Full PDB file with SEQRES, HELIX, SHEET, SSBOND, CRYST1, ORIGX, SCALE, CONECT and MASTER records, all heavy atoms in Angstrom:
SEQRES   1 A   35  GLU LEU ASP GLU LEU ALA PRO LYS LYS GLU GLU LEU GLU          
SEQRES   2 A   35  GLU GLU LEU LYS MET MET LEU ILE PRO LYS ASP PRO ASN          
SEQRES   3 A   35  ASP SER LYS ASN VAL ILE LEU GLU ILE                          
HELIX    1 AA1 LEU A    2  MET A   19  1                                  18    
CRYST1    1.000    1.000    1.000  90.00  90.00  90.00 P 1           1          
ORIGX1      1.000000  0.000000  0.000000        0.00000                         
ORIGX2      0.000000  1.000000  0.000000        0.00000                         
ORIGX3      0.000000  0.000000  1.000000        0.00000                         
SCALE1      1.000000  0.000000  0.000000        0.00000                         
SCALE2      0.000000  1.000000  0.000000        0.00000                         
SCALE3      0.000000  0.000000  1.000000        0.00000                         
ATOM      1  N   GLU A   1      20.128  10.424  -5.723  1.00  0.00           N  
ATOM      2  CA  GLU A   1      19.463  10.542  -4.427  1.00  0.00           C  
ATOM      3  C   GLU A   1      18.258  11.481  -4.524  1.00  0.00           C  
ATOM      4  O   GLU A   1      17.194  11.207  -3.958  1.00  0.00           O  
ATOM      5  CB  GLU A   1      20.449  11.046  -3.371  1.00  0.00           C  
ATOM      6  CG  GLU A   1      19.885  10.957  -1.961  1.00  0.00           C  
ATOM      7  CD  GLU A   1      20.907  11.233  -0.877  1.00  0.00           C  
ATOM      8  OE1 GLU A   1      21.984  11.779  -1.184  1.00  0.00           O  
ATOM      9  OE2 GLU A   1      20.617  10.921   0.283  1.00  0.00           O  
ATOM     10  N   LEU A   2      18.426  12.580  -5.265  1.00  0.00           N  
ATOM     11  CA  LEU A   2      17.316  13.521  -5.447  1.00  0.00           C  
ATOM     12  C   LEU A   2      16.146  12.862  -6.161  1.00  0.00           C  
ATOM     13  O   LEU A   2      14.984  13.047  -5.780  1.00  0.00           O  
ATOM     14  CB  LEU A   2      17.777  14.747  -6.241  1.00  0.00           C  
ATOM     15  CG  LEU A   2      18.509  15.841  -5.470  1.00  0.00           C  
ATOM     16  CD1 LEU A   2      19.051  16.898  -6.436  1.00  0.00           C  
ATOM     17  CD2 LEU A   2      17.568  16.505  -4.457  1.00  0.00           C  
ATOM     18  N   ASP A   3      16.453  12.109  -7.223  1.00  0.00           N  
ATOM     19  CA  ASP A   3      15.409  11.421  -7.986  1.00  0.00           C  
ATOM     20  C   ASP A   3      14.649  10.410  -7.126  1.00  0.00           C  
ATOM     21  O   ASP A   3      13.450  10.179  -7.314  1.00  0.00           O  
ATOM     22  CB  ASP A   3      16.016  10.698  -9.194  1.00  0.00           C  
ATOM     23  CG  ASP A   3      16.498  11.672 -10.265  1.00  0.00           C  
ATOM     24  OD1 ASP A   3      16.062  12.845 -10.218  1.00  0.00           O  
ATOM     25  OD2 ASP A   3      17.308  11.275 -11.114  1.00  0.00           O  
ATOM     26  N   GLU A   4      15.355   9.798  -6.168  1.00  0.00           N  
ATOM     27  CA  GLU A   4      14.744   8.787  -5.307  1.00  0.00           C  
ATOM     28  C   GLU A   4      13.929   9.425  -4.172  1.00  0.00           C  
ATOM     29  O   GLU A   4      12.845   8.960  -3.830  1.00  0.00           O  
ATOM     30  CB  GLU A   4      15.838   7.895  -4.707  1.00  0.00           C  
ATOM     31  CG  GLU A   4      15.302   6.773  -3.854  1.00  0.00           C  
ATOM     32  CD  GLU A   4      16.404   5.962  -3.180  1.00  0.00           C  
ATOM     33  OE1 GLU A   4      17.563   6.020  -3.627  1.00  0.00           O  
ATOM     34  OE2 GLU A   4      16.086   5.284  -2.185  1.00  0.00           O  
ATOM     35  N   LEU A   5      14.472  10.518  -3.607  1.00  0.00           N  
ATOM     36  CA  LEU A   5      13.851  11.116  -2.424  1.00  0.00           C  
ATOM     37  C   LEU A   5      12.677  12.056  -2.726  1.00  0.00           C  
ATOM     38  O   LEU A   5      11.754  12.174  -1.915  1.00  0.00           O  
ATOM     39  CB  LEU A   5      14.897  11.870  -1.596  1.00  0.00           C  
ATOM     40  CG  LEU A   5      16.009  11.030  -0.954  1.00  0.00           C  
ATOM     41  CD1 LEU A   5      16.958  11.921  -0.182  1.00  0.00           C  
ATOM     42  CD2 LEU A   5      15.431   9.959  -0.039  1.00  0.00           C  
ATOM     43  N   ALA A   6      12.710  12.735  -3.880  1.00  0.00           N  
ATOM     44  CA  ALA A   6      11.661  13.715  -4.198  1.00  0.00           C  
ATOM     45  C   ALA A   6      10.250  13.096  -4.188  1.00  0.00           C  
ATOM     46  O   ALA A   6       9.329  13.658  -3.562  1.00  0.00           O  
ATOM     47  CB  ALA A   6      11.952  14.381  -5.539  1.00  0.00           C  
ATOM     48  N   PRO A   7      10.029  11.932  -4.853  1.00  0.00           N  
ATOM     49  CA  PRO A   7       8.680  11.326  -4.807  1.00  0.00           C  
ATOM     50  C   PRO A   7       8.285  10.891  -3.387  1.00  0.00           C  
ATOM     51  O   PRO A   7       7.124  10.995  -3.012  1.00  0.00           O  
ATOM     52  CB  PRO A   7       8.800  10.100  -5.730  1.00  0.00           C  
ATOM     53  CG  PRO A   7      10.011  10.331  -6.562  1.00  0.00           C  
ATOM     54  CD  PRO A   7      10.933  11.140  -5.700  1.00  0.00           C  
ATOM     55  N   LYS A   8       9.275  10.416  -2.615  1.00  0.00           N  
ATOM     56  CA  LYS A   8       8.994   9.989  -1.242  1.00  0.00           C  
ATOM     57  C   LYS A   8       8.547  11.174  -0.396  1.00  0.00           C  
ATOM     58  O   LYS A   8       7.695  11.038   0.483  1.00  0.00           O  
ATOM     59  CB  LYS A   8      10.233   9.336  -0.619  1.00  0.00           C  
ATOM     60  CG  LYS A   8      10.517   7.936  -1.126  1.00  0.00           C  
ATOM     61  CD  LYS A   8      11.684   7.310  -0.388  1.00  0.00           C  
ATOM     62  CE  LYS A   8      11.948   5.890  -0.899  1.00  0.00           C  
ATOM     63  NZ  LYS A   8      13.125   5.285  -0.231  1.00  0.00           N  
ATOM     64  N   LYS A   9       9.139  12.348  -0.662  1.00  0.00           N  
ATOM     65  CA  LYS A   9       8.762  13.553   0.081  1.00  0.00           C  
ATOM     66  C   LYS A   9       7.292  13.884  -0.162  1.00  0.00           C  
ATOM     67  O   LYS A   9       6.544  14.198   0.774  1.00  0.00           O  
ATOM     68  CB  LYS A   9       9.643  14.727  -0.347  1.00  0.00           C  
ATOM     69  CG  LYS A   9       9.314  16.053   0.351  1.00  0.00           C  
ATOM     70  CD  LYS A   9      10.339  17.120  -0.023  1.00  0.00           C  
ATOM     71  CE  LYS A   9      10.001  18.456   0.630  1.00  0.00           C  
ATOM     72  NZ  LYS A   9       8.934  19.183  -0.060  1.00  0.00           N  
ATOM     73  N   GLU A  10       6.856  13.793  -1.425  1.00  0.00           N  
ATOM     74  CA  GLU A  10       5.457  14.066  -1.762  1.00  0.00           C  
ATOM     75  C   GLU A  10       4.515  13.069  -1.079  1.00  0.00           C  
ATOM     76  O   GLU A  10       3.455  13.448  -0.572  1.00  0.00           O  
ATOM     77  CB  GLU A  10       5.260  14.017  -3.285  1.00  0.00           C  
ATOM     78  CG  GLU A  10       5.896  15.204  -4.014  1.00  0.00           C  
ATOM     79  CD  GLU A  10       5.640  15.146  -5.509  1.00  0.00           C  
ATOM     80  OE1 GLU A  10       4.765  14.356  -5.923  1.00  0.00           O  
ATOM     81  OE2 GLU A  10       6.315  15.889  -6.243  1.00  0.00           O  
ATOM     82  N   GLU A  11       4.920  11.792  -1.069  1.00  0.00           N  
ATOM     83  CA  GLU A  11       4.100  10.752  -0.427  1.00  0.00           C  
ATOM     84  C   GLU A  11       3.945  11.032   1.067  1.00  0.00           C  
ATOM     85  O   GLU A  11       2.841  10.948   1.614  1.00  0.00           O  
ATOM     86  CB  GLU A  11       4.754   9.376  -0.608  1.00  0.00           C  
ATOM     87  CG  GLU A  11       4.590   8.795  -2.005  1.00  0.00           C  
ATOM     88  CD  GLU A  11       5.339   7.470  -2.149  1.00  0.00           C  
ATOM     89  OE1 GLU A  11       5.576   6.800  -1.122  1.00  0.00           O  
ATOM     90  OE2 GLU A  11       5.699   7.115  -3.290  1.00  0.00           O  
ATOM     91  N   LEU A  12       5.070  11.374   1.717  1.00  0.00           N  
ATOM     92  CA  LEU A  12       5.031  11.644   3.154  1.00  0.00           C  
ATOM     93  C   LEU A  12       4.195  12.883   3.473  1.00  0.00           C  
ATOM     94  O   LEU A  12       3.485  12.925   4.479  1.00  0.00           O  
ATOM     95  CB  LEU A  12       6.453  11.815   3.702  1.00  0.00           C  
ATOM     96  CG  LEU A  12       7.235  10.526   3.958  1.00  0.00           C  
ATOM     97  CD1 LEU A  12       8.674  10.847   4.355  1.00  0.00           C  
ATOM     98  CD2 LEU A  12       6.576   9.692   5.052  1.00  0.00           C  
ATOM     99  N   GLU A  13       4.275  13.885   2.605  1.00  0.00           N  
ATOM    100  CA  GLU A  13       3.473  15.097   2.811  1.00  0.00           C  
ATOM    101  C   GLU A  13       1.983  14.785   2.755  1.00  0.00           C  
ATOM    102  O   GLU A  13       1.197  15.309   3.556  1.00  0.00           O  
ATOM    103  CB  GLU A  13       3.842  16.161   1.775  1.00  0.00           C  
ATOM    104  CG  GLU A  13       5.142  16.872   2.092  1.00  0.00           C  
ATOM    105  CD  GLU A  13       5.590  17.829   0.995  1.00  0.00           C  
ATOM    106  OE1 GLU A  13       5.034  17.748  -0.127  1.00  0.00           O  
ATOM    107  OE2 GLU A  13       6.485  18.640   1.256  1.00  0.00           O  
ATOM    108  N   GLU A  14       1.588  13.919   1.806  1.00  0.00           N  
ATOM    109  CA  GLU A  14       0.177  13.526   1.694  1.00  0.00           C  
ATOM    110  C   GLU A  14      -0.273  12.744   2.934  1.00  0.00           C  
ATOM    111  O   GLU A  14      -1.370  12.952   3.452  1.00  0.00           O  
ATOM    112  CB  GLU A  14      -0.054  12.677   0.439  1.00  0.00           C  
ATOM    113  CG  GLU A  14      -0.059  13.475  -0.853  1.00  0.00           C  
ATOM    114  CD  GLU A  14      -1.083  14.606  -0.848  1.00  0.00           C  
ATOM    115  OE1 GLU A  14      -2.257  14.329  -0.522  1.00  0.00           O  
ATOM    116  OE2 GLU A  14      -0.706  15.748  -1.133  1.00  0.00           O  
ATOM    117  N   GLU A  15       0.606  11.847   3.400  1.00  0.00           N  
ATOM    118  CA  GLU A  15       0.284  11.060   4.592  1.00  0.00           C  
ATOM    119  C   GLU A  15       0.115  11.967   5.807  1.00  0.00           C  
ATOM    120  O   GLU A  15      -0.795  11.791   6.622  1.00  0.00           O  
ATOM    121  CB  GLU A  15       1.381  10.025   4.857  1.00  0.00           C  
ATOM    122  CG  GLU A  15       1.360   8.853   3.891  1.00  0.00           C  
ATOM    123  CD  GLU A  15       2.451   7.843   4.189  1.00  0.00           C  
ATOM    124  OE1 GLU A  15       2.623   7.480   5.369  1.00  0.00           O  
ATOM    125  OE2 GLU A  15       3.150   7.419   3.251  1.00  0.00           O  
ATOM    126  N   LEU A  16       1.012  12.944   5.939  1.00  0.00           N  
ATOM    127  CA  LEU A  16       0.946  13.861   7.076  1.00  0.00           C  
ATOM    128  C   LEU A  16      -0.302  14.746   7.011  1.00  0.00           C  
ATOM    129  O   LEU A  16      -0.918  15.034   8.039  1.00  0.00           O  
ATOM    130  CB  LEU A  16       2.207  14.729   7.130  1.00  0.00           C  
ATOM    131  CG  LEU A  16       3.465  14.016   7.658  1.00  0.00           C  
ATOM    132  CD1 LEU A  16       4.718  14.834   7.366  1.00  0.00           C  
ATOM    133  CD2 LEU A  16       3.353  13.741   9.155  1.00  0.00           C  
ATOM    134  N   LYS A  17      -0.684  15.159   5.802  1.00  0.00           N  
ATOM    135  CA  LYS A  17      -1.917  15.954   5.646  1.00  0.00           C  
ATOM    136  C   LYS A  17      -3.118  15.169   6.156  1.00  0.00           C  
ATOM    137  O   LYS A  17      -3.984  15.709   6.843  1.00  0.00           O  
ATOM    138  CB  LYS A  17      -2.132  16.319   4.166  1.00  0.00           C  
ATOM    139  CG  LYS A  17      -1.313  17.507   3.686  1.00  0.00           C  
ATOM    140  CD  LYS A  17      -1.613  17.774   2.226  1.00  0.00           C  
ATOM    141  CE  LYS A  17      -0.649  18.799   1.630  1.00  0.00           C  
ATOM    142  NZ  LYS A  17      -0.862  18.951   0.177  1.00  0.00           N  
ATOM    143  N   MET A  18      -3.165  13.885   5.784  1.00  0.00           N  
ATOM    144  CA  MET A  18      -4.265  13.025   6.230  1.00  0.00           C  
ATOM    145  C   MET A  18      -4.266  12.880   7.750  1.00  0.00           C  
ATOM    146  O   MET A  18      -5.310  12.877   8.400  1.00  0.00           O  
ATOM    147  CB  MET A  18      -4.168  11.633   5.583  1.00  0.00           C  
ATOM    148  CG  MET A  18      -4.507  11.619   4.114  1.00  0.00           C  
ATOM    149  SD  MET A  18      -6.245  12.042   3.832  1.00  0.00           S  
ATOM    150  CE  MET A  18      -6.316  12.039   2.048  1.00  0.00           C  
ATOM    151  N   MET A  19      -3.073  12.749   8.320  1.00  0.00           N  
ATOM    152  CA  MET A  19      -2.955  12.566   9.761  1.00  0.00           C  
ATOM    153  C   MET A  19      -3.361  13.827  10.529  1.00  0.00           C  
ATOM    154  O   MET A  19      -3.744  13.761  11.704  1.00  0.00           O  
ATOM    155  CB  MET A  19      -1.526  12.168  10.137  1.00  0.00           C  
ATOM    156  CG  MET A  19      -1.125  10.793   9.659  1.00  0.00           C  
ATOM    157  SD  MET A  19       0.587  10.398  10.044  1.00  0.00           S  
ATOM    158  CE  MET A  19       0.377   9.166  11.315  1.00  0.00           C  
ATOM    159  N   LEU A  20      -3.281  14.980   9.866  1.00  0.00           N  
ATOM    160  CA  LEU A  20      -3.609  16.245  10.515  1.00  0.00           C  
ATOM    161  C   LEU A  20      -5.094  16.614  10.423  1.00  0.00           C  
ATOM    162  O   LEU A  20      -5.528  17.582  11.024  1.00  0.00           O  
ATOM    163  CB  LEU A  20      -2.772  17.387   9.909  1.00  0.00           C  
ATOM    164  CG  LEU A  20      -1.288  17.403  10.299  1.00  0.00           C  
ATOM    165  CD1 LEU A  20      -0.552  18.507   9.546  1.00  0.00           C  
ATOM    166  CD2 LEU A  20      -1.107  17.576  11.790  1.00  0.00           C  
ATOM    167  N   ILE A  21      -5.855  15.824   9.651  1.00  0.00           N  
ATOM    168  CA  ILE A  21      -7.299  16.072   9.579  1.00  0.00           C  
ATOM    169  C   ILE A  21      -7.876  15.869  10.977  1.00  0.00           C  
ATOM    170  O   ILE A  21      -7.610  14.850  11.623  1.00  0.00           O  
ATOM    171  CB  ILE A  21      -7.978  15.106   8.587  1.00  0.00           C  
ATOM    172  CG1 ILE A  21      -7.522  15.411   7.158  1.00  0.00           C  
ATOM    173  CG2 ILE A  21      -9.491  15.216   8.677  1.00  0.00           C  
ATOM    174  CD1 ILE A  21      -7.990  14.398   6.143  1.00  0.00           C  
ATOM    175  N   PRO A  22      -8.668  16.824  11.473  1.00  0.00           N  
ATOM    176  CA  PRO A  22      -9.235  16.679  12.823  1.00  0.00           C  
ATOM    177  C   PRO A  22      -9.998  15.374  12.971  1.00  0.00           C  
ATOM    178  O   PRO A  22     -10.856  15.051  12.151  1.00  0.00           O  
ATOM    179  CB  PRO A  22     -10.187  17.887  12.939  1.00  0.00           C  
ATOM    180  CG  PRO A  22      -9.650  18.878  11.971  1.00  0.00           C  
ATOM    181  CD  PRO A  22      -9.069  18.088  10.832  1.00  0.00           C  
ATOM    182  N   LYS A  23      -9.661  14.613  13.977  1.00  0.00           N  
ATOM    183  CA  LYS A  23     -10.295  13.317  14.196  1.00  0.00           C  
ATOM    184  C   LYS A  23     -11.678  13.483  14.830  1.00  0.00           C  
ATOM    185  O   LYS A  23     -11.898  14.378  15.635  1.00  0.00           O  
ATOM    186  CB  LYS A  23      -9.413  12.454  15.103  1.00  0.00           C  
ATOM    187  CG  LYS A  23      -8.246  11.816  14.352  1.00  0.00           C  
ATOM    188  CD  LYS A  23      -7.582  10.770  15.214  1.00  0.00           C  
ATOM    189  CE  LYS A  23      -6.638   9.868  14.427  1.00  0.00           C  
ATOM    190  NZ  LYS A  23      -5.892  10.475  13.377  1.00  0.00           N  
ATOM    191  N   ASP A  24     -12.578  12.593  14.429  1.00  0.00           N  
ATOM    192  CA  ASP A  24     -13.889  12.535  15.069  1.00  0.00           C  
ATOM    193  C   ASP A  24     -13.663  12.046  16.497  1.00  0.00           C  
ATOM    194  O   ASP A  24     -13.129  10.947  16.702  1.00  0.00           O  
ATOM    195  CB  ASP A  24     -14.777  11.543  14.294  1.00  0.00           C  
ATOM    196  CG  ASP A  24     -16.201  11.488  14.812  1.00  0.00           C  
ATOM    197  OD1 ASP A  24     -16.404  11.779  16.008  1.00  0.00           O  
ATOM    198  OD2 ASP A  24     -17.098  11.142  14.024  1.00  0.00           O  
ATOM    199  N   PRO A  25     -14.053  12.825  17.500  1.00  0.00           N  
ATOM    200  CA  PRO A  25     -13.804  12.414  18.889  1.00  0.00           C  
ATOM    201  C   PRO A  25     -14.497  11.110  19.279  1.00  0.00           C  
ATOM    202  O   PRO A  25     -14.148  10.487  20.279  1.00  0.00           O  
ATOM    203  CB  PRO A  25     -14.341  13.593  19.712  1.00  0.00           C  
ATOM    204  CG  PRO A  25     -15.280  14.312  18.808  1.00  0.00           C  
ATOM    205  CD  PRO A  25     -14.748  14.124  17.423  1.00  0.00           C  
ATOM    206  N   ASN A  26     -15.472  10.696  18.458  1.00  0.00           N  
ATOM    207  CA  ASN A  26     -16.192   9.456  18.766  1.00  0.00           C  
ATOM    208  C   ASN A  26     -15.548   8.213  18.155  1.00  0.00           C  
ATOM    209  O   ASN A  26     -15.979   7.093  18.437  1.00  0.00           O  
ATOM    210  CB  ASN A  26     -17.641   9.550  18.271  1.00  0.00           C  
ATOM    211  CG  ASN A  26     -18.457  10.535  19.069  1.00  0.00           C  
ATOM    212  OD1 ASN A  26     -18.431  10.514  20.287  1.00  0.00           O  
ATOM    213  ND2 ASN A  26     -19.161  11.422  18.378  1.00  0.00           N  
ATOM    214  N   ASP A  27     -14.534   8.408  17.293  1.00  0.00           N  
ATOM    215  CA  ASP A  27     -13.975   7.287  16.536  1.00  0.00           C  
ATOM    216  C   ASP A  27     -13.512   6.113  17.395  1.00  0.00           C  
ATOM    217  O   ASP A  27     -13.602   4.964  16.980  1.00  0.00           O  
ATOM    218  CB  ASP A  27     -12.817   7.760  15.645  1.00  0.00           C  
ATOM    219  CG  ASP A  27     -13.313   8.328  14.321  1.00  0.00           C  
ATOM    220  OD1 ASP A  27     -14.532   8.258  14.073  1.00  0.00           O  
ATOM    221  OD2 ASP A  27     -12.489   8.845  13.538  1.00  0.00           O  
ATOM    222  N   SER A  28     -12.986   6.393  18.568  1.00  0.00           N  
ATOM    223  CA  SER A  28     -12.453   5.311  19.399  1.00  0.00           C  
ATOM    224  C   SER A  28     -13.513   4.660  20.279  1.00  0.00           C  
ATOM    225  O   SER A  28     -13.231   3.721  21.012  1.00  0.00           O  
ATOM    226  CB  SER A  28     -11.319   5.842  20.284  1.00  0.00           C  
ATOM    227  OG  SER A  28     -11.794   6.871  21.129  1.00  0.00           O  
ATOM    228  N   LYS A  29     -14.760   5.146  20.193  1.00  0.00           N  
ATOM    229  CA  LYS A  29     -15.819   4.625  21.062  1.00  0.00           C  
ATOM    230  C   LYS A  29     -16.357   3.276  20.589  1.00  0.00           C  
ATOM    231  O   LYS A  29     -16.302   2.949  19.398  1.00  0.00           O  
ATOM    232  CB  LYS A  29     -16.988   5.617  21.126  1.00  0.00           C  
ATOM    233  CG  LYS A  29     -16.709   6.894  21.922  1.00  0.00           C  
ATOM    234  CD  LYS A  29     -17.949   7.776  21.933  1.00  0.00           C  
ATOM    235  CE  LYS A  29     -17.705   9.081  22.671  1.00  0.00           C  
ATOM    236  NZ  LYS A  29     -17.653   8.917  24.125  1.00  0.00           N  
ATOM    237  N   ASN A  30     -16.888   2.515  21.546  1.00  0.00           N  
ATOM    238  CA  ASN A  30     -17.682   1.332  21.213  1.00  0.00           C  
ATOM    239  C   ASN A  30     -19.027   1.824  20.684  1.00  0.00           C  
ATOM    240  O   ASN A  30     -19.339   3.017  20.778  1.00  0.00           O  
ATOM    241  CB  ASN A  30     -17.890   0.464  22.456  1.00  0.00           C  
ATOM    242  CG  ASN A  30     -16.588  -0.088  22.991  1.00  0.00           C  
ATOM    243  OD1 ASN A  30     -15.678  -0.411  22.231  1.00  0.00           O  
ATOM    244  ND2 ASN A  30     -16.480  -0.202  24.307  1.00  0.00           N  
ATOM    245  N   VAL A  31     -19.836   0.915  20.129  1.00  0.00           N  
ATOM    246  CA  VAL A  31     -21.115   1.364  19.567  1.00  0.00           C  
ATOM    247  C   VAL A  31     -22.282   0.494  19.999  1.00  0.00           C  
ATOM    248  O   VAL A  31     -22.124  -0.655  20.398  1.00  0.00           O  
ATOM    249  CB  VAL A  31     -21.099   1.409  18.008  1.00  0.00           C  
ATOM    250  CG1 VAL A  31     -19.909   2.183  17.484  1.00  0.00           C  
ATOM    251  CG2 VAL A  31     -21.146   0.011  17.409  1.00  0.00           C  
ATOM    252  N   ILE A  32     -23.476   1.099  19.916  1.00  0.00           N  
ATOM    253  CA  ILE A  32     -24.740   0.370  19.980  1.00  0.00           C  
ATOM    254  C   ILE A  32     -25.213   0.287  18.531  1.00  0.00           C  
ATOM    255  O   ILE A  32     -25.410   1.313  17.879  1.00  0.00           O  
ATOM    256  CB  ILE A  32     -25.796   1.105  20.829  1.00  0.00           C  
ATOM    257  CG1 ILE A  32     -25.265   1.408  22.236  1.00  0.00           C  
ATOM    258  CG2 ILE A  32     -27.086   0.294  20.875  1.00  0.00           C  
ATOM    259  CD1 ILE A  32     -24.984   0.217  23.095  1.00  0.00           C  
ATOM    260  N   LEU A  33     -25.344  -0.926  18.012  1.00  0.00           N  
ATOM    261  CA  LEU A  33     -25.754  -1.148  16.618  1.00  0.00           C  
ATOM    262  C   LEU A  33     -27.210  -1.609  16.603  1.00  0.00           C  
ATOM    263  O   LEU A  33     -27.548  -2.644  17.193  1.00  0.00           O  
ATOM    264  CB  LEU A  33     -24.851  -2.207  15.971  1.00  0.00           C  
ATOM    265  CG  LEU A  33     -25.177  -2.632  14.542  1.00  0.00           C  
ATOM    266  CD1 LEU A  33     -24.889  -1.512  13.556  1.00  0.00           C  
ATOM    267  CD2 LEU A  33     -24.386  -3.877  14.155  1.00  0.00           C  
ATOM    268  N   GLU A  34     -28.060  -0.820  15.956  1.00  0.00           N  
ATOM    269  CA  GLU A  34     -29.485  -1.146  15.884  1.00  0.00           C  
ATOM    270  C   GLU A  34     -29.871  -1.440  14.436  1.00  0.00           C  
ATOM    271  O   GLU A  34     -29.589  -0.648  13.543  1.00  0.00           O  
ATOM    272  CB  GLU A  34     -30.333   0.019  16.399  1.00  0.00           C  
ATOM    273  CG  GLU A  34     -30.041   0.404  17.841  1.00  0.00           C  
ATOM    274  CD  GLU A  34     -30.908   1.558  18.327  1.00  0.00           C  
ATOM    275  OE1 GLU A  34     -31.545   2.222  17.484  1.00  0.00           O  
ATOM    276  OE2 GLU A  34     -30.957   1.794  19.545  1.00  0.00           O  
ATOM    277  N   ILE A  35     -30.521  -2.567  14.207  1.00  0.00           N  
ATOM    278  CA  ILE A  35     -31.000  -2.931  12.872  1.00  0.00           C  
ATOM    279  C   ILE A  35     -32.507  -3.130  12.968  1.00  0.00           C  
ATOM    280  O   ILE A  35     -32.980  -3.913  13.811  1.00  0.00           O  
ATOM    281  CB  ILE A  35     -30.330  -4.217  12.353  1.00  0.00           C  
ATOM    282  CG1 ILE A  35     -28.799  -4.088  12.405  1.00  0.00           C  
ATOM    283  CG2 ILE A  35     -30.789  -4.519  10.921  1.00  0.00           C  
ATOM    284  CD1 ILE A  35     -28.056  -5.387  12.137  1.00  0.00           C  
TER     285      ILE A  35                                                      
MASTER        0    0    0    1    0    0    0    6  284    1    0    3          
END                                                                             
């Protein structure tokens, strides 16, 4: 069980770190695209 769970713990920690990065407040906005 330890051998199976230890790598999963590291993966989840990396995912959580990414999720905790402050989000750009504009990310959910629509856009005006100019070319």
